[in-house]
Amino acid sequence: MTEMIAHCGLVCTDCEAYQATQAGDQAALEQVAAKWAVEYNAPGMTVEQVACDGCLVEGRKCGHCGECEIRACGIARGVANCGHCADYACEKLEKLFAMVPDARATLDRVRQAA
Protein backbone atom coordinates (compact mmCIF):
# COMPACT_ATOMS: atom_id res chain seq x y z
CA MET A 1 0.00 0.00 0.00
CA THR A 2 1.30 3.45 -0.89
CA GLU A 3 1.92 5.63 2.15
CA MET A 4 -0.60 8.49 2.51
CA ILE A 5 0.76 11.36 4.59
CA ALA A 6 -1.90 13.78 5.82
CA HIS A 7 -1.32 17.52 5.69
CA CYS A 8 -0.31 17.49 9.37
CA GLY A 9 2.20 14.66 9.05
CA LEU A 10 0.08 11.85 10.44
CA VAL A 11 0.32 8.80 8.21
CA CYS A 12 -3.24 7.90 7.20
CA THR A 13 -2.24 4.47 5.92
CA ASP A 14 -0.81 3.58 9.36
CA CYS A 15 -4.04 4.55 11.15
CA GLU A 16 -6.14 1.73 12.56
CA ALA A 17 -9.37 3.47 11.52
CA TYR A 18 -8.14 3.88 7.93
CA GLN A 19 -6.97 0.27 7.77
CA ALA A 20 -10.26 -1.09 9.13
CA THR A 21 -12.26 1.10 6.75
CA GLN A 22 -10.28 0.01 3.71
CA ALA A 23 -10.61 -3.63 4.73
CA GLY A 24 -14.36 -3.24 5.24
CA ASP A 25 -13.87 -4.75 8.70
CA GLN A 26 -16.91 -3.74 10.75
CA ALA A 27 -15.68 -5.50 13.89
CA ALA A 28 -12.34 -3.65 13.74
CA LEU A 29 -14.15 -0.33 13.23
CA GLU A 30 -16.26 -1.07 16.31
CA GLN A 31 -13.08 -1.77 18.29
CA VAL A 32 -11.50 1.49 17.09
CA ALA A 33 -14.64 3.45 18.02
CA ALA A 34 -14.66 1.90 21.51
CA LYS A 35 -10.95 2.53 21.99
CA TRP A 36 -11.09 6.13 20.77
CA ALA A 37 -14.20 6.81 22.89
CA VAL A 38 -12.00 6.20 25.93
CA GLU A 39 -8.75 7.74 24.59
CA TYR A 40 -10.42 10.95 23.44
CA ASN A 41 -13.07 11.15 26.17
CA ALA A 42 -15.86 10.89 23.61
CA PRO A 43 -18.27 8.32 25.05
CA GLY A 44 -20.74 8.57 22.17
CA MET A 45 -18.20 7.82 19.42
CA THR A 46 -19.65 5.68 16.65
CA VAL A 47 -18.31 3.58 13.79
CA GLU A 48 -19.47 6.29 11.39
CA GLN A 49 -17.26 8.79 13.21
CA VAL A 50 -14.12 6.69 12.85
CA ALA A 51 -14.60 5.35 9.31
CA CYS A 52 -12.04 7.10 7.11
CA ASP A 53 -10.74 6.95 3.55
CA GLY A 54 -7.78 9.22 4.35
CA CYS A 55 -7.12 12.91 4.61
CA LEU A 56 -6.01 13.47 1.03
CA VAL A 57 -8.78 11.77 -0.94
CA GLU A 58 -12.50 12.21 -1.45
CA GLY A 59 -14.63 10.08 0.81
CA ARG A 60 -15.25 9.48 4.47
CA LYS A 61 -13.26 11.43 7.06
CA CYS A 62 -13.01 10.41 10.69
CA GLY A 63 -14.30 12.87 13.27
CA HIS A 64 -11.68 15.60 13.46
CA CYS A 65 -10.41 15.42 9.87
CA GLY A 66 -13.51 17.10 8.48
CA GLU A 67 -12.98 20.13 10.70
CA CYS A 68 -9.16 20.15 10.94
CA GLU A 69 -7.71 23.64 10.45
CA ILE A 70 -4.33 22.22 9.36
CA ARG A 71 -6.01 20.15 6.65
CA ALA A 72 -8.13 23.13 5.54
CA CYS A 73 -5.02 25.32 5.34
CA GLY A 74 -3.10 22.73 3.31
CA ILE A 75 -5.98 22.39 0.87
CA ALA A 76 -6.29 26.17 0.55
CA ARG A 77 -2.55 26.45 -0.13
CA GLY A 78 -2.63 23.60 -2.61
CA VAL A 79 0.16 21.57 -0.97
CA ALA A 80 0.29 17.77 -0.83
CA ASN A 81 1.04 18.13 2.88
CA CYS A 82 2.58 20.75 5.15
CA GLY A 83 6.08 19.44 4.48
CA HIS A 84 5.79 21.17 1.09
CA CYS A 85 4.60 24.51 2.52
CA ALA A 86 6.75 27.65 2.48
CA ASP A 87 5.44 28.43 5.99
CA TYR A 88 6.37 24.99 7.36
CA ALA A 89 6.25 24.62 11.16
CA CYS A 90 3.68 27.39 11.55
CA GLU A 91 1.88 27.94 14.83
CA LYS A 92 -0.87 25.46 13.92
CA LEU A 93 1.67 22.72 13.27
CA GLU A 94 3.77 23.50 16.33
CA LYS A 95 0.72 22.89 18.54
CA LEU A 96 0.23 19.49 16.93
CA PHE A 97 3.94 18.64 17.05
CA ALA A 98 3.89 19.24 20.83
CA MET A 99 1.37 16.40 21.11
CA VAL A 100 2.50 14.22 18.18
CA PRO A 101 6.28 14.48 17.64
CA ASP A 102 6.13 11.67 15.05
CA ALA A 103 4.20 14.04 12.78
CA ARG A 104 7.16 16.44 12.78
CA ALA A 105 9.55 13.61 11.97
CA THR A 106 7.37 12.54 9.05
CA LEU A 107 7.10 16.06 7.63
CA ASP A 108 10.83 16.68 8.17
CA ARG A 109 11.45 13.53 6.09
CA VAL A 110 9.14 14.88 3.38
CA ARG A 111 10.99 18.21 3.33
CA GLN A 112 14.38 16.50 3.06
CA ALA A 113 13.19 14.40 0.12
CA ALA A 114 11.78 17.41 -1.76
C-alpha atoms as a PDB file:
ATOM      1  CA  MET A   1       0.000   0.000   0.000  1.00  0.00           C
ATOM      2  CA  THR A   2       1.297   3.450  -0.886  1.00  0.00           C
ATOM      3  CA  GLU A   3       1.920   5.631   2.155  1.00  0.00           C
ATOM      4  CA  MET A   4      -0.598   8.490   2.507  1.00  0.00           C
ATOM      5  CA  ILE A   5       0.762  11.364   4.587  1.00  0.00           C
ATOM      6  CA  ALA A   6      -1.899  13.779   5.824  1.00  0.00           C
ATOM      7  CA  HIS A   7      -1.321  17.523   5.691  1.00  0.00           C
ATOM      8  CA  CYS A   8      -0.312  17.493   9.368  1.00  0.00           C
ATOM      9  CA  GLY A   9       2.195  14.658   9.052  1.00  0.00           C
ATOM     10  CA  LEU A  10       0.081  11.855  10.444  1.00  0.00           C
ATOM     11  CA  VAL A  11       0.316   8.796   8.211  1.00  0.00           C
ATOM     12  CA  CYS A  12      -3.237   7.902   7.202  1.00  0.00           C
ATOM     13  CA  THR A  13      -2.236   4.473   5.923  1.00  0.00           C
ATOM     14  CA  ASP A  14      -0.811   3.582   9.362  1.00  0.00           C
ATOM     15  CA  CYS A  15      -4.043   4.547  11.148  1.00  0.00           C
ATOM     16  CA  GLU A  16      -6.136   1.727  12.557  1.00  0.00           C
ATOM     17  CA  ALA A  17      -9.366   3.469  11.516  1.00  0.00           C
ATOM     18  CA  TYR A  18      -8.135   3.876   7.934  1.00  0.00           C
ATOM     19  CA  GLN A  19      -6.972   0.271   7.767  1.00  0.00           C
ATOM     20  CA  ALA A  20     -10.260  -1.095   9.132  1.00  0.00           C
ATOM     21  CA  THR A  21     -12.259   1.104   6.753  1.00  0.00           C
ATOM     22  CA  GLN A  22     -10.281   0.015   3.714  1.00  0.00           C
ATOM     23  CA  ALA A  23     -10.612  -3.634   4.731  1.00  0.00           C
ATOM     24  CA  GLY A  24     -14.364  -3.235   5.240  1.00  0.00           C
ATOM     25  CA  ASP A  25     -13.872  -4.751   8.697  1.00  0.00           C
ATOM     26  CA  GLN A  26     -16.913  -3.741  10.755  1.00  0.00           C
ATOM     27  CA  ALA A  27     -15.676  -5.502  13.894  1.00  0.00           C
ATOM     28  CA  ALA A  28     -12.335  -3.655  13.738  1.00  0.00           C
ATOM     29  CA  LEU A  29     -14.155  -0.334  13.232  1.00  0.00           C
ATOM     30  CA  GLU A  30     -16.263  -1.068  16.309  1.00  0.00           C
ATOM     31  CA  GLN A  31     -13.084  -1.765  18.289  1.00  0.00           C
ATOM     32  CA  VAL A  32     -11.503   1.493  17.091  1.00  0.00           C
ATOM     33  CA  ALA A  33     -14.643   3.448  18.024  1.00  0.00           C
ATOM     34  CA  ALA A  34     -14.664   1.899  21.511  1.00  0.00           C
ATOM     35  CA  LYS A  35     -10.946   2.530  21.990  1.00  0.00           C
ATOM     36  CA  TRP A  36     -11.088   6.130  20.772  1.00  0.00           C
ATOM     37  CA  ALA A  37     -14.198   6.811  22.887  1.00  0.00           C
ATOM     38  CA  VAL A  38     -11.999   6.203  25.928  1.00  0.00           C
ATOM     39  CA  GLU A  39      -8.752   7.742  24.595  1.00  0.00           C
ATOM     40  CA  TYR A  40     -10.423  10.955  23.441  1.00  0.00           C
ATOM     41  CA  ASN A  41     -13.068  11.150  26.169  1.00  0.00           C
ATOM     42  CA  ALA A  42     -15.858  10.885  23.607  1.00  0.00           C
ATOM     43  CA  PRO A  43     -18.269   8.317  25.046  1.00  0.00           C
ATOM     44  CA  GLY A  44     -20.743   8.573  22.173  1.00  0.00           C
ATOM     45  CA  MET A  45     -18.202   7.816  19.424  1.00  0.00           C
ATOM     46  CA  THR A  46     -19.647   5.675  16.646  1.00  0.00           C
ATOM     47  CA  VAL A  47     -18.306   3.585  13.786  1.00  0.00           C
ATOM     48  CA  GLU A  48     -19.475   6.290  11.387  1.00  0.00           C
ATOM     49  CA  GLN A  49     -17.264   8.795  13.207  1.00  0.00           C
ATOM     50  CA  VAL A  50     -14.121   6.690  12.847  1.00  0.00           C
ATOM     51  CA  ALA A  51     -14.601   5.351   9.311  1.00  0.00           C
ATOM     52  CA  CYS A  52     -12.043   7.104   7.107  1.00  0.00           C
ATOM     53  CA  ASP A  53     -10.738   6.954   3.549  1.00  0.00           C
ATOM     54  CA  GLY A  54      -7.779   9.215   4.347  1.00  0.00           C
ATOM     55  CA  CYS A  55      -7.121  12.913   4.614  1.00  0.00           C
ATOM     56  CA  LEU A  56      -6.005  13.467   1.033  1.00  0.00           C
ATOM     57  CA  VAL A  57      -8.775  11.768  -0.938  1.00  0.00           C
ATOM     58  CA  GLU A  58     -12.499  12.210  -1.446  1.00  0.00           C
ATOM     59  CA  GLY A  59     -14.626  10.082   0.808  1.00  0.00           C
ATOM     60  CA  ARG A  60     -15.247   9.483   4.469  1.00  0.00           C
ATOM     61  CA  LYS A  61     -13.256  11.433   7.058  1.00  0.00           C
ATOM     62  CA  CYS A  62     -13.011  10.413  10.686  1.00  0.00           C
ATOM     63  CA  GLY A  63     -14.297  12.875  13.273  1.00  0.00           C
ATOM     64  CA  HIS A  64     -11.679  15.597  13.464  1.00  0.00           C
ATOM     65  CA  CYS A  65     -10.409  15.418   9.866  1.00  0.00           C
ATOM     66  CA  GLY A  66     -13.513  17.098   8.480  1.00  0.00           C
ATOM     67  CA  GLU A  67     -12.978  20.130  10.697  1.00  0.00           C
ATOM     68  CA  CYS A  68      -9.158  20.145  10.939  1.00  0.00           C
ATOM     69  CA  GLU A  69      -7.705  23.637  10.455  1.00  0.00           C
ATOM     70  CA  ILE A  70      -4.333  22.224   9.362  1.00  0.00           C
ATOM     71  CA  ARG A  71      -6.014  20.152   6.653  1.00  0.00           C
ATOM     72  CA  ALA A  72      -8.132  23.128   5.536  1.00  0.00           C
ATOM     73  CA  CYS A  73      -5.022  25.318   5.338  1.00  0.00           C
ATOM     74  CA  GLY A  74      -3.101  22.735   3.310  1.00  0.00           C
ATOM     75  CA  ILE A  75      -5.982  22.387   0.872  1.00  0.00           C
ATOM     76  CA  ALA A  76      -6.289  26.171   0.546  1.00  0.00           C
ATOM     77  CA  ARG A  77      -2.547  26.449  -0.127  1.00  0.00           C
ATOM     78  CA  GLY A  78      -2.627  23.598  -2.613  1.00  0.00           C
ATOM     79  CA  VAL A  79       0.161  21.573  -0.974  1.00  0.00           C
ATOM     80  CA  ALA A  80       0.287  17.771  -0.833  1.00  0.00           C
ATOM     81  CA  ASN A  81       1.043  18.127   2.875  1.00  0.00           C
ATOM     82  CA  CYS A  82       2.583  20.750   5.152  1.00  0.00           C
ATOM     83  CA  GLY A  83       6.082  19.444   4.482  1.00  0.00           C
ATOM     84  CA  HIS A  84       5.787  21.168   1.095  1.00  0.00           C
ATOM     85  CA  CYS A  85       4.600  24.510   2.524  1.00  0.00           C
ATOM     86  CA  ALA A  86       6.745  27.646   2.478  1.00  0.00           C
ATOM     87  CA  ASP A  87       5.435  28.428   5.995  1.00  0.00           C
ATOM     88  CA  TYR A  88       6.371  24.990   7.360  1.00  0.00           C
ATOM     89  CA  ALA A  89       6.247  24.619  11.155  1.00  0.00           C
ATOM     90  CA  CYS A  90       3.683  27.390  11.547  1.00  0.00           C
ATOM     91  CA  GLU A  91       1.879  27.940  14.829  1.00  0.00           C
ATOM     92  CA  LYS A  92      -0.875  25.455  13.925  1.00  0.00           C
ATOM     93  CA  LEU A  93       1.672  22.720  13.270  1.00  0.00           C
ATOM     94  CA  GLU A  94       3.770  23.500  16.326  1.00  0.00           C
ATOM     95  CA  LYS A  95       0.716  22.894  18.535  1.00  0.00           C
ATOM     96  CA  LEU A  96       0.227  19.493  16.926  1.00  0.00           C
ATOM     97  CA  PHE A  97       3.942  18.642  17.055  1.00  0.00           C
ATOM     98  CA  ALA A  98       3.895  19.236  20.828  1.00  0.00           C
ATOM     99  CA  MET A  99       1.370  16.399  21.107  1.00  0.00           C
ATOM    100  CA  VAL A 100       2.504  14.217  18.180  1.00  0.00           C
ATOM    101  CA  PRO A 101       6.275  14.478  17.636  1.00  0.00           C
ATOM    102  CA  ASP A 102       6.134  11.672  15.050  1.00  0.00           C
ATOM    103  CA  ALA A 103       4.201  14.039  12.777  1.00  0.00           C
ATOM    104  CA  ARG A 104       7.158  16.442  12.783  1.00  0.00           C
ATOM    105  CA  ALA A 105       9.554  13.607  11.971  1.00  0.00           C
ATOM    106  CA  THR A 106       7.374  12.540   9.049  1.00  0.00           C
ATOM    107  CA  LEU A 107       7.100  16.061   7.626  1.00  0.00           C
ATOM    108  CA  ASP A 108      10.827  16.676   8.168  1.00  0.00           C
ATOM    109  CA  ARG A 109      11.455  13.535   6.092  1.00  0.00           C
ATOM    110  CA  VAL A 110       9.138  14.879   3.377  1.00  0.00           C
ATOM    111  CA  ARG A 111      10.994  18.212   3.329  1.00  0.00           C
ATOM    112  CA  GLN A 112      14.381  16.503   3.055  1.00  0.00           C
ATOM    113  CA  ALA A 113      13.189  14.401   0.123  1.00  0.00           C
ATOM    114  CA  ALA A 114      11.777  17.410  -1.760  1.00  0.00           C
END
